[in-house]
Amino acid sequence: MTDRDRPWVMRTYAGHSSAAASNELYRRNLAKGQTGLSVAFDLPTQTGYDPDHALARGEVGKVGVPISHIGDMRALFDGIPLTAMNTSMTI
């Protein structure tokens, strides 16, 4: 197969209230035929604030997935074959 013949990657820009909830959504979408992931981070993650920082209050997990440490990333992608997956992380 050439690059010209390869089908487009199908990704939904998505992230939920927690890494576990987002992982569940990603796995469900992949099972239905989605061919890639596009991670939506919450505002504190995008701006580099800890979730317990005063400026993050009320924003954690609102418009995307909150990620504050490597354990969150492991939970986010648990059971998802990243070596065979096209993944986008937009900030």
C-alpha atoms as a PDB file:
ATOM      1  CA  MET A   1       0.000   0.000   0.000  1.00  0.00           C
ATOM      2  CA  THR A   2       1.343   3.424  -0.894  1.00  0.00           C
ATOM      3  CA  ASP A   3       0.788   6.624   1.076  1.00  0.00           C
ATOM      4  CA  ARG A   4      -1.694   7.642  -1.582  1.00  0.00           C
ATOM      5  CA  ASP A   5      -3.785   4.516  -0.990  1.00  0.00           C
ATOM      6  CA  ARG A   6      -3.736   4.662   2.812  1.00  0.00           C
ATOM      7  CA  PRO A   7      -7.106   5.678   4.325  1.00  0.00           C
ATOM      8  CA  TRP A   8      -7.336   8.865   6.374  1.00  0.00           C
ATOM      9  CA  VAL A   9      -6.849   8.667  10.118  1.00  0.00           C
ATOM     10  CA  MET A  10     -10.170   9.119  11.904  1.00  0.00           C
ATOM     11  CA  ARG A  11      -9.780  10.902  15.254  1.00  0.00           C
ATOM     12  CA  THR A  12     -12.250  12.555  17.597  1.00  0.00           C
ATOM     13  CA  TYR A  13     -10.868  15.398  19.753  1.00  0.00           C
ATOM     14  CA  ALA A  14     -11.925  14.154  23.174  1.00  0.00           C
ATOM     15  CA  GLY A  15     -11.109  14.151  26.869  1.00  0.00           C
ATOM     16  CA  HIS A  16     -13.277  13.661  29.937  1.00  0.00           C
ATOM     17  CA  SER A  17     -13.263  14.416  33.647  1.00  0.00           C
ATOM     18  CA  SER A  18     -10.536  11.890  34.472  1.00  0.00           C
ATOM     19  CA  ALA A  19      -7.879   9.766  32.802  1.00  0.00           C
ATOM     20  CA  ALA A  20      -9.935   6.630  33.500  1.00  0.00           C
ATOM     21  CA  ALA A  21     -13.118   8.109  31.980  1.00  0.00           C
ATOM     22  CA  SER A  22     -11.179   9.291  28.925  1.00  0.00           C
ATOM     23  CA  ASN A  23      -9.546   5.873  28.526  1.00  0.00           C
ATOM     24  CA  GLU A  24     -12.973   4.244  28.568  1.00  0.00           C
ATOM     25  CA  LEU A  25     -14.188   6.634  25.856  1.00  0.00           C
ATOM     26  CA  TYR A  26     -11.060   6.121  23.713  1.00  0.00           C
ATOM     27  CA  ARG A  27     -11.297   2.328  23.921  1.00  0.00           C
ATOM     28  CA  ARG A  28     -15.006   2.408  23.068  1.00  0.00           C
ATOM     29  CA  ASN A  29     -14.370   4.659  20.042  1.00  0.00           C
ATOM     30  CA  LEU A  30     -11.475   2.493  18.839  1.00  0.00           C
ATOM     31  CA  ALA A  31     -13.680  -0.607  19.106  1.00  0.00           C
ATOM     32  CA  LYS A  32     -16.214   1.155  16.860  1.00  0.00           C
ATOM     33  CA  GLY A  33     -13.638   1.836  14.134  1.00  0.00           C
ATOM     34  CA  GLN A  34     -11.898   5.067  15.081  1.00  0.00           C
ATOM     35  CA  THR A  35      -8.294   4.800  13.830  1.00  0.00           C
ATOM     36  CA  GLY A  36      -6.513   7.404  15.964  1.00  0.00           C
ATOM     37  CA  LEU A  37      -6.712   9.456  19.140  1.00  0.00           C
ATOM     38  CA  SER A  38      -6.733  13.210  19.657  1.00  0.00           C
ATOM     39  CA  VAL A  39      -6.359  14.061  23.338  1.00  0.00           C
ATOM     40  CA  ALA A  40      -8.207  17.092  24.713  1.00  0.00           C
ATOM     41  CA  PHE A  41      -6.523  18.372  27.884  1.00  0.00           C
ATOM     42  CA  ASP A  42      -8.264  20.514  30.491  1.00  0.00           C
ATOM     43  CA  LEU A  43      -7.223  24.150  30.955  1.00  0.00           C
ATOM     44  CA  PRO A  44      -4.975  23.645  34.022  1.00  0.00           C
ATOM     45  CA  THR A  45      -3.055  20.921  32.165  1.00  0.00           C
ATOM     46  CA  GLN A  46      -2.707  23.144  29.106  1.00  0.00           C
ATOM     47  CA  THR A  47      -1.352  26.033  31.167  1.00  0.00           C
ATOM     48  CA  GLY A  48       0.854  23.941  33.464  1.00  0.00           C
ATOM     49  CA  TYR A  49      -1.007  24.486  36.735  1.00  0.00           C
ATOM     50  CA  ASP A  50      -1.259  21.772  39.372  1.00  0.00           C
ATOM     51  CA  PRO A  51      -4.893  20.729  39.859  1.00  0.00           C
ATOM     52  CA  ASP A  52      -4.803  21.988  43.457  1.00  0.00           C
ATOM     53  CA  HIS A  53      -3.469  25.442  42.518  1.00  0.00           C
ATOM     54  CA  ALA A  54      -5.845  28.337  43.303  1.00  0.00           C
ATOM     55  CA  LEU A  55      -5.938  29.430  39.642  1.00  0.00           C
ATOM     56  CA  ALA A  56      -7.045  25.924  38.594  1.00  0.00           C
ATOM     57  CA  ARG A  57     -10.046  25.906  40.925  1.00  0.00           C
ATOM     58  CA  GLY A  58     -13.239  25.092  39.063  1.00  0.00           C
ATOM     59  CA  GLU A  59     -11.427  24.213  35.826  1.00  0.00           C
ATOM     60  CA  VAL A  60      -9.999  20.750  36.508  1.00  0.00           C
ATOM     61  CA  GLY A  61     -11.562  18.204  34.154  1.00  0.00           C
ATOM     62  CA  LYS A  62     -14.081  20.670  32.707  1.00  0.00           C
ATOM     63  CA  VAL A  63     -13.111  20.882  29.038  1.00  0.00           C
ATOM     64  CA  GLY A  64     -10.773  17.920  28.793  1.00  0.00           C
ATOM     65  CA  VAL A  65      -8.770  15.357  30.690  1.00  0.00           C
ATOM     66  CA  PRO A  66      -6.696  16.512  33.684  1.00  0.00           C
ATOM     67  CA  ILE A  67      -3.120  15.196  33.633  1.00  0.00           C
ATOM     68  CA  SER A  68      -0.782  16.059  36.493  1.00  0.00           C
ATOM     69  CA  HIS A  69       1.718  13.166  36.578  1.00  0.00           C
ATOM     70  CA  ILE A  70       2.960  10.136  34.643  1.00  0.00           C
ATOM     71  CA  GLY A  71       0.447   7.897  36.421  1.00  0.00           C
ATOM     72  CA  ASP A  72      -2.372   9.882  34.801  1.00  0.00           C
ATOM     73  CA  MET A  73      -0.807   9.301  31.367  1.00  0.00           C
ATOM     74  CA  ARG A  74      -0.480   5.578  32.073  1.00  0.00           C
ATOM     75  CA  ALA A  75      -4.152   5.435  33.082  1.00  0.00           C
ATOM     76  CA  LEU A  76      -5.145   7.480  30.026  1.00  0.00           C
ATOM     77  CA  PHE A  77      -3.560   5.013  27.597  1.00  0.00           C
ATOM     78  CA  ASP A  78      -3.989   1.770  29.566  1.00  0.00           C
ATOM     79  CA  GLY A  79      -4.803  -1.107  27.213  1.00  0.00           C
ATOM     80  CA  ILE A  80      -4.349   1.025  24.083  1.00  0.00           C
ATOM     81  CA  PRO A  81      -1.601  -0.181  21.702  1.00  0.00           C
ATOM     82  CA  LEU A  82       0.307   3.090  21.264  1.00  0.00           C
ATOM     83  CA  THR A  83       2.926   1.473  19.006  1.00  0.00           C
ATOM     84  CA  ALA A  84       0.160   0.814  16.472  1.00  0.00           C
ATOM     85  CA  MET A  85      -1.841   3.990  17.090  1.00  0.00           C
ATOM     86  CA  ASN A  86      -1.802   7.468  15.577  1.00  0.00           C
ATOM     87  CA  THR A  87      -2.103   9.852  18.520  1.00  0.00           C
ATOM     88  CA  SER A  88      -2.357  13.642  18.601  1.00  0.00           C
ATOM     89  CA  MET A  89      -2.016  15.767  21.732  1.00  0.00           C
ATOM     90  CA  THR A  90      -3.083  19.333  21.071  1.00  0.00           C
ATOM     91  CA  ILE A  91      -2.439  22.177  23.481  1.00  0.00           C
END
